[in-house]
Amino acid sequence: MFALFGNTKGKEEALEALLLAPGENARSSEQAKKAIAYCQLCIAEYERWSKQSQRRWVLWQGIVVFGSVLVTLLAGVISISQAWDSIAWIIRSVLAASVAIAAGLLSSFTFRENAIRYEVAATDLWNELARFLTSAAPYNTGEVEDTSAFLNKVCLLVGAEVRHWGVLARASPPAPPPPLTPEPPPAH
């Protein structure tokens, strides 16, 4: 949930256990339990996608930086004997091509941006779950109404992500992303 702030996994698990602990104010209806389970599934997926994108970004960034330094060193700083000159040119060419490919992948894909967006989506879902489980407004009217409002909000958050990916897939030049948290529909 708070991966952007460092390693807080133990604290997150303790908070989740506290929020989900049975008690007098616990959400007990079958519909509420299903809504909570769906929200938890979405949170887990967004957190997994965030970590996956973060790892990919770090990998390609490392290849570009390390490879660039290595290619620079091999290009002129380190002298290679005449006997190894042809092999050195092959190694230099392969390294330069690898760095160029890695740089292209790094600039073509938005691993870092995706990681941040996924983490923001997971945090938004966590916030809604915490509000629902603690009966904070607007989830303090009644079990059926609260569950309906909660599930609608979770679906709005997930739907905003799906629409954003649809816009990105259809856009020729990348379109600016819509807001992650859509405005709720106007009340009648």
N, C-alpha and C. Protein backbone atom coordinates (compact mmCIF):
# COMPACT_ATOMS: atom_id res chain seq x y z
N MET A 1 0.81 -1.19 0.00
CA MET A 1 0.00 0.00 0.00
C MET A 1 0.85 1.25 0.00
N PHE A 2 1.87 1.32 0.83
CA PHE A 2 2.70 2.51 0.94
C PHE A 2 4.11 2.24 0.44
N ALA A 3 4.25 1.50 -0.65
CA ALA A 3 5.56 1.13 -1.17
C ALA A 3 6.38 2.34 -1.59
N LEU A 4 5.72 3.42 -1.95
CA LEU A 4 6.45 4.62 -2.36
C LEU A 4 7.21 5.23 -1.19
N PHE A 5 6.84 4.86 0.05
CA PHE A 5 7.45 5.44 1.23
C PHE A 5 8.51 4.55 1.85
N GLY A 6 8.88 3.47 1.19
CA GLY A 6 9.89 2.57 1.72
C GLY A 6 9.29 1.23 2.12
N ASN A 7 10.08 0.44 2.81
CA ASN A 7 9.64 -0.89 3.20
C ASN A 7 8.77 -0.81 4.45
N THR A 8 7.48 -0.99 4.27
CA THR A 8 6.53 -0.92 5.38
C THR A 8 5.64 -2.15 5.41
N LYS A 9 6.12 -3.26 4.84
CA LYS A 9 5.29 -4.46 4.69
C LYS A 9 4.73 -4.96 6.01
N GLY A 10 5.53 -5.04 7.05
CA GLY A 10 5.05 -5.51 8.35
C GLY A 10 3.95 -4.62 8.92
N LYS A 11 4.13 -3.32 8.78
CA LYS A 11 3.12 -2.38 9.26
C LYS A 11 1.83 -2.49 8.45
N GLU A 12 1.96 -2.70 7.14
CA GLU A 12 0.78 -2.88 6.29
C GLU A 12 -0.01 -4.11 6.71
N GLU A 13 0.70 -5.21 6.96
CA GLU A 13 0.03 -6.45 7.35
C GLU A 13 -0.66 -6.28 8.69
N ALA A 14 -0.04 -5.58 9.64
CA ALA A 14 -0.66 -5.34 10.94
C ALA A 14 -1.91 -4.48 10.80
N LEU A 15 -1.83 -3.46 9.94
CA LEU A 15 -2.99 -2.60 9.70
C LEU A 15 -4.12 -3.38 9.06
N GLU A 16 -3.78 -4.20 8.07
CA GLU A 16 -4.80 -5.01 7.40
C GLU A 16 -5.46 -5.96 8.40
N ALA A 17 -4.68 -6.61 9.26
CA ALA A 17 -5.24 -7.52 10.27
C ALA A 17 -6.16 -6.77 11.23
N LEU A 18 -5.76 -5.57 11.62
CA LEU A 18 -6.57 -4.76 12.52
C LEU A 18 -7.89 -4.37 11.86
N LEU A 19 -7.81 -3.93 10.62
CA LEU A 19 -9.03 -3.51 9.90
C LEU A 19 -9.99 -4.67 9.66
N LEU A 20 -9.43 -5.84 9.39
CA LEU A 20 -10.28 -6.99 9.05
C LEU A 20 -10.66 -7.84 10.26
N ALA A 21 -10.19 -7.46 11.45
CA ALA A 21 -10.48 -8.25 12.65
C ALA A 21 -11.98 -8.22 12.95
N PRO A 22 -12.50 -9.38 13.33
CA PRO A 22 -13.92 -9.38 13.69
C PRO A 22 -14.15 -8.56 14.95
N GLY A 23 -15.27 -7.90 14.98
CA GLY A 23 -15.61 -7.07 16.13
C GLY A 23 -17.03 -6.60 16.00
N GLU A 24 -17.42 -5.71 16.90
CA GLU A 24 -18.81 -5.28 16.89
C GLU A 24 -19.15 -4.42 15.68
N ASN A 25 -18.20 -3.72 15.11
CA ASN A 25 -18.46 -2.87 13.94
C ASN A 25 -18.05 -3.53 12.63
N ALA A 26 -17.68 -4.82 12.66
CA ALA A 26 -17.21 -5.51 11.45
C ALA A 26 -18.34 -5.63 10.43
N ARG A 27 -17.97 -5.59 9.18
CA ARG A 27 -18.92 -5.80 8.09
C ARG A 27 -19.18 -7.30 8.00
N SER A 28 -20.42 -7.71 8.21
CA SER A 28 -20.69 -9.13 8.34
C SER A 28 -21.57 -9.72 7.26
N SER A 29 -22.20 -8.91 6.44
CA SER A 29 -23.09 -9.48 5.41
C SER A 29 -22.26 -10.18 4.33
N GLU A 30 -22.89 -11.12 3.67
CA GLU A 30 -22.22 -11.83 2.57
C GLU A 30 -21.82 -10.87 1.46
N GLN A 31 -22.68 -9.91 1.16
CA GLN A 31 -22.37 -8.94 0.11
C GLN A 31 -21.16 -8.10 0.49
N ALA A 32 -21.08 -7.69 1.75
CA ALA A 32 -19.93 -6.90 2.20
C ALA A 32 -18.66 -7.72 2.12
N LYS A 33 -18.73 -8.98 2.54
CA LYS A 33 -17.55 -9.85 2.47
C LYS A 33 -17.08 -10.04 1.03
N LYS A 34 -18.02 -10.17 0.10
CA LYS A 34 -17.66 -10.31 -1.32
C LYS A 34 -17.04 -9.02 -1.85
N ALA A 35 -17.61 -7.88 -1.47
CA ALA A 35 -17.07 -6.60 -1.91
C ALA A 35 -15.66 -6.39 -1.37
N ILE A 36 -15.44 -6.75 -0.11
CA ILE A 36 -14.11 -6.62 0.50
C ILE A 36 -13.12 -7.54 -0.22
N ALA A 37 -13.55 -8.77 -0.49
CA ALA A 37 -12.66 -9.72 -1.19
C ALA A 37 -12.30 -9.21 -2.58
N TYR A 38 -13.26 -8.64 -3.29
CA TYR A 38 -12.98 -8.10 -4.62
C TYR A 38 -11.99 -6.94 -4.53
N CYS A 39 -12.19 -6.07 -3.56
CA CYS A 39 -11.29 -4.94 -3.39
C CYS A 39 -9.88 -5.42 -3.06
N GLN A 40 -9.77 -6.41 -2.17
CA GLN A 40 -8.46 -6.96 -1.81
C GLN A 40 -7.77 -7.59 -3.02
N LEU A 41 -8.54 -8.28 -3.85
CA LEU A 41 -7.98 -8.86 -5.08
C LEU A 41 -7.42 -7.76 -5.98
N CYS A 42 -8.18 -6.70 -6.16
CA CYS A 42 -7.72 -5.59 -7.00
C CYS A 42 -6.46 -4.95 -6.42
N ILE A 43 -6.44 -4.76 -5.11
CA ILE A 43 -5.26 -4.18 -4.46
C ILE A 43 -4.04 -5.08 -4.69
N ALA A 44 -4.21 -6.38 -4.49
CA ALA A 44 -3.09 -7.31 -4.68
C ALA A 44 -2.57 -7.27 -6.12
N GLU A 45 -3.48 -7.20 -7.09
CA GLU A 45 -3.06 -7.15 -8.49
C GLU A 45 -2.31 -5.86 -8.80
N TYR A 46 -2.84 -4.73 -8.35
CA TYR A 46 -2.15 -3.46 -8.60
C TYR A 46 -0.79 -3.42 -7.93
N GLU A 47 -0.69 -3.95 -6.72
CA GLU A 47 0.61 -3.99 -6.05
C GLU A 47 1.58 -4.90 -6.78
N ARG A 48 1.09 -6.04 -7.28
CA ARG A 48 1.95 -6.96 -8.05
C ARG A 48 2.42 -6.29 -9.34
N TRP A 49 1.51 -5.63 -10.03
CA TRP A 49 1.88 -4.95 -11.28
C TRP A 49 2.87 -3.83 -11.01
N SER A 50 2.69 -3.12 -9.90
CA SER A 50 3.62 -2.04 -9.56
C SER A 50 5.02 -2.58 -9.33
N LYS A 51 5.14 -3.66 -8.56
CA LYS A 51 6.45 -4.26 -8.31
C LYS A 51 7.08 -4.78 -9.59
N GLN A 52 6.27 -5.39 -10.44
CA GLN A 52 6.78 -5.92 -11.70
C GLN A 52 7.30 -4.80 -12.60
N SER A 53 6.55 -3.71 -12.71
CA SER A 53 7.00 -2.57 -13.53
C SER A 53 8.24 -1.93 -12.93
N GLN A 54 8.28 -1.83 -11.61
CA GLN A 54 9.44 -1.25 -10.94
C GLN A 54 10.69 -2.08 -11.21
N ARG A 55 10.57 -3.41 -11.11
CA ARG A 55 11.72 -4.30 -11.38
C ARG A 55 12.20 -4.14 -12.83
N ARG A 56 11.26 -4.08 -13.75
CA ARG A 56 11.64 -3.94 -15.16
C ARG A 56 12.34 -2.61 -15.39
N TRP A 57 11.83 -1.55 -14.80
CA TRP A 57 12.46 -0.24 -14.98
C TRP A 57 13.88 -0.26 -14.42
N VAL A 58 14.06 -0.82 -13.22
CA VAL A 58 15.39 -0.87 -12.61
C VAL A 58 16.34 -1.73 -13.46
N LEU A 59 15.84 -2.85 -13.98
CA LEU A 59 16.67 -3.72 -14.82
C LEU A 59 17.16 -2.98 -16.06
N TRP A 60 16.24 -2.39 -16.81
CA TRP A 60 16.64 -1.72 -18.05
C TRP A 60 17.48 -0.48 -17.77
N GLN A 61 17.17 0.24 -16.70
CA GLN A 61 17.98 1.40 -16.32
C GLN A 61 19.40 0.96 -15.99
N GLY A 62 19.53 -0.14 -15.25
CA GLY A 62 20.85 -0.66 -14.91
C GLY A 62 21.64 -1.09 -16.13
N ILE A 63 20.96 -1.75 -17.07
CA ILE A 63 21.65 -2.17 -18.30
C ILE A 63 22.15 -0.96 -19.08
N VAL A 64 21.32 0.07 -19.18
CA VAL A 64 21.73 1.27 -19.92
C VAL A 64 22.92 1.95 -19.23
N VAL A 65 22.85 2.15 -17.94
CA VAL A 65 23.92 2.86 -17.23
C VAL A 65 25.20 2.03 -17.22
N PHE A 66 25.10 0.78 -16.77
CA PHE A 66 26.28 -0.08 -16.70
C PHE A 66 26.86 -0.32 -18.09
N GLY A 67 26.00 -0.60 -19.06
CA GLY A 67 26.47 -0.85 -20.42
C GLY A 67 27.13 0.37 -21.03
N SER A 68 26.59 1.55 -20.78
CA SER A 68 27.19 2.77 -21.31
C SER A 68 28.59 2.98 -20.75
N VAL A 69 28.74 2.75 -19.46
CA VAL A 69 30.07 2.88 -18.84
C VAL A 69 31.02 1.85 -19.43
N LEU A 70 30.57 0.62 -19.57
CA LEU A 70 31.41 -0.44 -20.11
C LEU A 70 31.82 -0.16 -21.56
N VAL A 71 30.86 0.27 -22.37
CA VAL A 71 31.18 0.59 -23.77
C VAL A 71 32.18 1.74 -23.84
N THR A 72 32.03 2.74 -22.99
CA THR A 72 32.97 3.87 -22.97
C THR A 72 34.37 3.40 -22.59
N LEU A 73 34.42 2.55 -21.58
CA LEU A 73 35.74 2.04 -21.17
C LEU A 73 36.38 1.21 -22.29
N LEU A 74 35.61 0.36 -22.93
CA LEU A 74 36.16 -0.47 -23.99
C LEU A 74 36.48 0.32 -25.26
N ALA A 75 35.82 1.44 -25.44
CA ALA A 75 36.02 2.21 -26.68
C ALA A 75 37.37 2.92 -26.73
N GLY A 76 37.91 3.27 -25.60
CA GLY A 76 39.16 4.00 -25.71
C GLY A 76 40.00 4.06 -24.47
N VAL A 77 39.41 3.86 -23.33
CA VAL A 77 40.16 4.00 -22.10
C VAL A 77 41.05 2.78 -21.88
N ILE A 78 40.51 1.60 -22.13
CA ILE A 78 41.29 0.37 -21.93
C ILE A 78 41.95 0.00 -23.25
N SER A 79 43.26 -0.15 -23.23
CA SER A 79 43.96 -0.54 -24.46
C SER A 79 43.98 -2.07 -24.57
N ILE A 80 43.75 -2.55 -25.77
CA ILE A 80 43.69 -3.98 -26.03
C ILE A 80 44.80 -4.30 -27.01
N SER A 81 45.49 -5.41 -26.78
CA SER A 81 46.61 -5.77 -27.65
C SER A 81 46.11 -6.08 -29.07
N GLN A 82 47.01 -6.00 -30.03
CA GLN A 82 46.69 -6.24 -31.45
C GLN A 82 46.10 -7.63 -31.68
N ALA A 83 46.54 -8.62 -30.94
CA ALA A 83 46.06 -9.98 -31.15
C ALA A 83 44.57 -10.11 -30.84
N TRP A 84 44.06 -9.30 -29.95
CA TRP A 84 42.66 -9.38 -29.55
C TRP A 84 41.80 -8.30 -30.21
N ASP A 85 42.35 -7.56 -31.13
CA ASP A 85 41.65 -6.41 -31.71
C ASP A 85 40.34 -6.79 -32.39
N SER A 86 40.32 -7.86 -33.19
CA SER A 86 39.08 -8.24 -33.89
C SER A 86 38.01 -8.69 -32.91
N ILE A 87 38.39 -9.42 -31.88
CA ILE A 87 37.42 -9.85 -30.86
C ILE A 87 36.92 -8.63 -30.07
N ALA A 88 37.82 -7.70 -29.80
CA ALA A 88 37.44 -6.49 -29.06
C ALA A 88 36.39 -5.70 -29.82
N TRP A 89 36.54 -5.62 -31.14
CA TRP A 89 35.54 -4.90 -31.94
C TRP A 89 34.18 -5.60 -31.90
N ILE A 90 34.18 -6.91 -31.91
CA ILE A 90 32.92 -7.65 -31.81
C ILE A 90 32.26 -7.40 -30.45
N ILE A 91 33.07 -7.46 -29.39
CA ILE A 91 32.54 -7.21 -28.04
C ILE A 91 32.00 -5.80 -27.93
N ARG A 92 32.76 -4.83 -28.45
CA ARG A 92 32.30 -3.43 -28.41
C ARG A 92 30.99 -3.26 -29.17
N SER A 93 30.91 -3.89 -30.33
CA SER A 93 29.69 -3.78 -31.15
C SER A 93 28.49 -4.40 -30.46
N VAL A 94 28.68 -5.58 -29.89
CA VAL A 94 27.58 -6.24 -29.18
C VAL A 94 27.14 -5.41 -27.98
N LEU A 95 28.09 -4.91 -27.20
CA LEU A 95 27.75 -4.08 -26.04
C LEU A 95 27.04 -2.79 -26.47
N ALA A 96 27.54 -2.15 -27.50
CA ALA A 96 26.91 -0.91 -27.97
C ALA A 96 25.49 -1.19 -28.45
N ALA A 97 25.30 -2.28 -29.18
CA ALA A 97 23.97 -2.63 -29.66
C ALA A 97 23.05 -2.95 -28.49
N SER A 98 23.56 -3.66 -27.49
CA SER A 98 22.75 -4.00 -26.32
C SER A 98 22.32 -2.75 -25.57
N VAL A 99 23.23 -1.81 -25.40
CA VAL A 99 22.90 -0.56 -24.72
C VAL A 99 21.86 0.22 -25.53
N ALA A 100 22.02 0.25 -26.85
CA ALA A 100 21.05 0.95 -27.70
C ALA A 100 19.67 0.31 -27.59
N ILE A 101 19.62 -1.02 -27.60
CA ILE A 101 18.33 -1.71 -27.47
C ILE A 101 17.71 -1.44 -26.10
N ALA A 102 18.52 -1.52 -25.05
CA ALA A 102 18.01 -1.26 -23.70
C ALA A 102 17.50 0.17 -23.56
N ALA A 103 18.24 1.12 -24.13
CA ALA A 103 17.80 2.52 -24.08
C ALA A 103 16.49 2.70 -24.85
N GLY A 104 16.38 2.01 -25.98
CA GLY A 104 15.13 2.07 -26.75
C GLY A 104 13.97 1.50 -25.97
N LEU A 105 14.18 0.36 -25.33
CA LEU A 105 13.12 -0.24 -24.51
C LEU A 105 12.75 0.67 -23.35
N LEU A 106 13.74 1.26 -22.73
CA LEU A 106 13.49 2.13 -21.59
C LEU A 106 12.68 3.35 -22.00
N SER A 107 12.95 3.88 -23.19
CA SER A 107 12.20 5.06 -23.63
C SER A 107 10.87 4.70 -24.27
N SER A 108 10.73 3.48 -24.78
CA SER A 108 9.49 3.08 -25.43
C SER A 108 8.42 2.66 -24.43
N PHE A 109 8.83 2.04 -23.36
CA PHE A 109 7.88 1.55 -22.37
C PHE A 109 7.91 2.46 -21.15
N THR A 110 6.80 2.57 -20.50
CA THR A 110 6.68 3.46 -19.36
C THR A 110 6.65 2.65 -18.06
N PHE A 111 7.70 1.87 -17.85
CA PHE A 111 7.74 1.01 -16.67
C PHE A 111 7.65 1.81 -15.37
N ARG A 112 8.43 2.86 -15.28
CA ARG A 112 8.45 3.67 -14.05
C ARG A 112 7.12 4.34 -13.82
N GLU A 113 6.57 4.96 -14.85
CA GLU A 113 5.29 5.65 -14.74
C GLU A 113 4.17 4.67 -14.38
N ASN A 114 4.22 3.48 -15.01
CA ASN A 114 3.21 2.47 -14.70
C ASN A 114 3.32 2.03 -13.25
N ALA A 115 4.54 1.82 -12.77
CA ALA A 115 4.73 1.40 -11.38
C ALA A 115 4.11 2.41 -10.43
N ILE A 116 4.34 3.68 -10.69
CA ILE A 116 3.78 4.72 -9.83
C ILE A 116 2.26 4.74 -9.93
N ARG A 117 1.74 4.66 -11.15
CA ARG A 117 0.29 4.69 -11.33
C ARG A 117 -0.39 3.50 -10.67
N TYR A 118 0.20 2.32 -10.80
CA TYR A 118 -0.36 1.14 -10.15
C TYR A 118 -0.35 1.30 -8.63
N GLU A 119 0.72 1.85 -8.09
CA GLU A 119 0.81 2.04 -6.65
C GLU A 119 -0.22 3.07 -6.18
N VAL A 120 -0.44 4.11 -6.97
CA VAL A 120 -1.46 5.10 -6.63
C VAL A 120 -2.85 4.46 -6.65
N ALA A 121 -3.11 3.63 -7.66
CA ALA A 121 -4.41 2.95 -7.74
C ALA A 121 -4.60 2.03 -6.54
N ALA A 122 -3.57 1.28 -6.16
CA ALA A 122 -3.67 0.39 -5.00
C ALA A 122 -3.91 1.19 -3.73
N THR A 123 -3.25 2.33 -3.59
CA THR A 123 -3.44 3.17 -2.41
C THR A 123 -4.85 3.74 -2.37
N ASP A 124 -5.37 4.17 -3.52
CA ASP A 124 -6.76 4.65 -3.58
C ASP A 124 -7.73 3.56 -3.13
N LEU A 125 -7.50 2.34 -3.60
CA LEU A 125 -8.37 1.22 -3.20
C LEU A 125 -8.23 0.93 -1.71
N TRP A 126 -7.00 0.98 -1.20
CA TRP A 126 -6.78 0.78 0.24
C TRP A 126 -7.53 1.82 1.05
N ASN A 127 -7.47 3.07 0.61
CA ASN A 127 -8.15 4.14 1.33
C ASN A 127 -9.66 3.88 1.39
N GLU A 128 -10.23 3.47 0.27
CA GLU A 128 -11.66 3.16 0.25
C GLU A 128 -11.98 1.99 1.16
N LEU A 129 -11.13 0.96 1.13
CA LEU A 129 -11.34 -0.20 1.99
C LEU A 129 -11.29 0.20 3.46
N ALA A 130 -10.32 1.02 3.82
CA ALA A 130 -10.20 1.47 5.21
C ALA A 130 -11.43 2.29 5.62
N ARG A 131 -11.89 3.16 4.75
CA ARG A 131 -13.08 3.96 5.05
C ARG A 131 -14.30 3.06 5.23
N PHE A 132 -14.42 2.06 4.36
CA PHE A 132 -15.56 1.14 4.43
C PHE A 132 -15.51 0.31 5.71
N LEU A 133 -14.34 -0.23 6.03
CA LEU A 133 -14.22 -1.11 7.19
C LEU A 133 -14.37 -0.37 8.52
N THR A 134 -14.07 0.92 8.51
CA THR A 134 -14.19 1.69 9.75
C THR A 134 -15.48 2.51 9.81
N SER A 135 -16.34 2.30 8.82
CA SER A 135 -17.64 3.00 8.75
C SER A 135 -17.48 4.52 8.71
N ALA A 136 -16.41 4.98 8.06
CA ALA A 136 -16.23 6.41 7.88
C ALA A 136 -17.15 6.88 6.76
N ALA A 137 -17.49 8.16 6.77
CA ALA A 137 -18.37 8.70 5.73
C ALA A 137 -17.74 8.48 4.38
N PRO A 138 -18.45 8.13 3.39
CA PRO A 138 -19.90 7.99 3.26
C PRO A 138 -20.42 6.59 3.59
N TYR A 139 -19.62 5.77 4.24
CA TYR A 139 -19.99 4.38 4.51
C TYR A 139 -20.50 4.21 5.94
N ASN A 140 -21.41 5.08 6.35
CA ASN A 140 -21.92 5.02 7.72
C ASN A 140 -23.44 5.13 7.79
N THR A 141 -24.11 4.68 6.74
CA THR A 141 -25.57 4.79 6.72
C THR A 141 -26.27 3.47 7.03
N GLY A 142 -25.78 2.39 6.51
CA GLY A 142 -26.37 1.08 6.72
C GLY A 142 -25.63 0.05 5.89
N GLU A 143 -25.64 -1.19 6.31
CA GLU A 143 -24.83 -2.23 5.67
C GLU A 143 -25.09 -2.35 4.17
N VAL A 144 -26.34 -2.41 3.77
CA VAL A 144 -26.67 -2.61 2.34
C VAL A 144 -26.26 -1.38 1.53
N GLU A 145 -26.62 -0.21 2.01
CA GLU A 145 -26.28 1.02 1.28
C GLU A 145 -24.77 1.24 1.23
N ASP A 146 -24.11 1.00 2.36
CA ASP A 146 -22.66 1.17 2.43
C ASP A 146 -21.94 0.22 1.48
N THR A 147 -22.38 -1.03 1.47
CA THR A 147 -21.74 -2.03 0.60
C THR A 147 -21.93 -1.64 -0.86
N SER A 148 -23.13 -1.20 -1.21
CA SER A 148 -23.38 -0.78 -2.59
C SER A 148 -22.50 0.41 -2.98
N ALA A 149 -22.44 1.41 -2.10
CA ALA A 149 -21.62 2.60 -2.39
C ALA A 149 -20.13 2.22 -2.48
N PHE A 150 -19.68 1.35 -1.59
CA PHE A 150 -18.29 0.92 -1.59
C PHE A 150 -17.93 0.19 -2.87
N LEU A 151 -18.75 -0.78 -3.25
CA LEU A 151 -18.45 -1.54 -4.46
C LEU A 151 -18.52 -0.65 -5.69
N ASN A 152 -19.45 0.29 -5.73
CA ASN A 152 -19.52 1.22 -6.86
C ASN A 152 -18.25 2.07 -6.95
N LYS A 153 -17.74 2.51 -5.80
CA LYS A 153 -16.51 3.31 -5.79
C LYS A 153 -15.31 2.49 -6.25
N VAL A 154 -15.22 1.24 -5.78
CA VAL A 154 -14.12 0.35 -6.21
C VAL A 154 -14.21 0.14 -7.73
N CYS A 155 -15.40 -0.11 -8.22
CA CYS A 155 -15.57 -0.31 -9.67
C CYS A 155 -15.25 0.95 -10.45
N LEU A 156 -15.57 2.13 -9.90
CA LEU A 156 -15.21 3.39 -10.56
C LEU A 156 -13.69 3.54 -10.67
N LEU A 157 -12.98 3.22 -9.58
CA LEU A 157 -11.52 3.32 -9.58
C LEU A 157 -10.89 2.36 -10.59
N VAL A 158 -11.34 1.11 -10.57
CA VAL A 158 -10.80 0.12 -11.50
C VAL A 158 -11.20 0.48 -12.93
N GLY A 159 -12.43 0.92 -13.12
CA GLY A 159 -12.89 1.32 -14.45
C GLY A 159 -12.10 2.48 -15.03
N ALA A 160 -11.70 3.41 -14.16
CA ALA A 160 -10.87 4.54 -14.64
C ALA A 160 -9.55 4.04 -15.18
N GLU A 161 -8.96 3.05 -14.51
CA GLU A 161 -7.70 2.45 -15.00
C GLU A 161 -7.92 1.77 -16.34
N VAL A 162 -8.98 1.00 -16.46
CA VAL A 162 -9.26 0.28 -17.71
C VAL A 162 -9.49 1.27 -18.84
N ARG A 163 -10.24 2.33 -18.59
CA ARG A 163 -10.46 3.35 -19.63
C ARG A 163 -9.15 4.02 -20.02
N HIS A 164 -8.30 4.27 -19.03
CA HIS A 164 -7.00 4.89 -19.33
C HIS A 164 -6.18 4.01 -20.26
N TRP A 165 -6.14 2.70 -19.97
CA TRP A 165 -5.39 1.80 -20.85
C TRP A 165 -6.01 1.73 -22.23
N GLY A 166 -7.33 1.82 -22.32
CA GLY A 166 -7.99 1.84 -23.62
C GLY A 166 -7.61 3.07 -24.42
N VAL A 167 -7.54 4.22 -23.75
CA VAL A 167 -7.14 5.46 -24.41
C VAL A 167 -5.71 5.34 -24.92
N LEU A 168 -4.83 4.80 -24.09
CA LEU A 168 -3.43 4.64 -24.49
C LEU A 168 -3.29 3.70 -25.68
N ALA A 169 -4.08 2.63 -25.69
CA ALA A 169 -3.98 1.65 -26.77
C ALA A 169 -4.48 2.22 -28.09
N ARG A 170 -5.45 3.11 -28.05
CA ARG A 170 -6.03 3.66 -29.28
C ARG A 170 -5.36 4.93 -29.76
N ALA A 171 -4.63 5.61 -28.90
CA ALA A 171 -4.06 6.92 -29.24
C ALA A 171 -2.86 6.75 -30.16
N SER A 172 -2.82 7.60 -31.21
CA SER A 172 -1.64 7.61 -32.07
C SER A 172 -0.47 8.21 -31.30
N PRO A 173 -0.50 9.52 -31.06
CA PRO A 173 0.46 10.02 -30.09
C PRO A 173 -0.15 9.78 -28.71
N PRO A 174 0.67 9.49 -27.72
CA PRO A 174 0.12 9.23 -26.40
C PRO A 174 -0.72 10.40 -25.90
N ALA A 175 -1.92 10.08 -25.46
CA ALA A 175 -2.82 11.09 -24.92
C ALA A 175 -2.51 11.28 -23.44
N PRO A 176 -2.79 12.46 -22.93
CA PRO A 176 -2.57 12.63 -21.50
C PRO A 176 -3.52 11.72 -20.73
N PRO A 177 -3.05 11.13 -19.65
CA PRO A 177 -3.91 10.19 -18.92
C PRO A 177 -5.05 10.91 -18.23
N PRO A 178 -6.22 10.27 -18.18
CA PRO A 178 -7.32 10.85 -17.41
C PRO A 178 -7.00 10.73 -15.93
N PRO A 179 -7.71 11.47 -15.10
CA PRO A 179 -7.43 11.36 -13.66
C PRO A 179 -7.70 9.96 -13.17
N LEU A 180 -6.88 9.50 -12.20
CA LEU A 180 -7.05 8.16 -11.65
C LEU A 180 -8.34 8.02 -10.85
N THR A 181 -8.70 9.06 -10.15
CA THR A 181 -9.91 9.01 -9.35
C THR A 181 -10.98 9.84 -10.07
N PRO A 182 -11.93 9.14 -10.71
CA PRO A 182 -12.96 9.88 -11.43
C PRO A 182 -13.91 10.58 -10.47
N GLU A 183 -14.51 11.62 -10.96
CA GLU A 183 -15.52 12.28 -10.17
C GLU A 183 -16.74 11.37 -10.09
N PRO A 184 -17.37 11.30 -8.93
CA PRO A 184 -18.56 10.47 -8.82
C PRO A 184 -19.67 11.03 -9.68
N PRO A 185 -20.59 10.17 -10.15
CA PRO A 185 -21.69 10.68 -10.97
C PRO A 185 -22.52 11.68 -10.18
N PRO A 186 -23.09 12.67 -10.88
CA PRO A 186 -23.86 13.69 -10.17
C PRO A 186 -25.09 13.06 -9.50
N ALA A 187 -25.40 13.56 -8.32
CA ALA A 187 -26.57 13.07 -7.59
C ALA A 187 -27.83 13.65 -8.23
N HIS A 188 -28.84 12.86 -8.26
CA HIS A 188 -30.10 13.34 -8.87
C HIS A 188 -30.97 14.01 -7.88
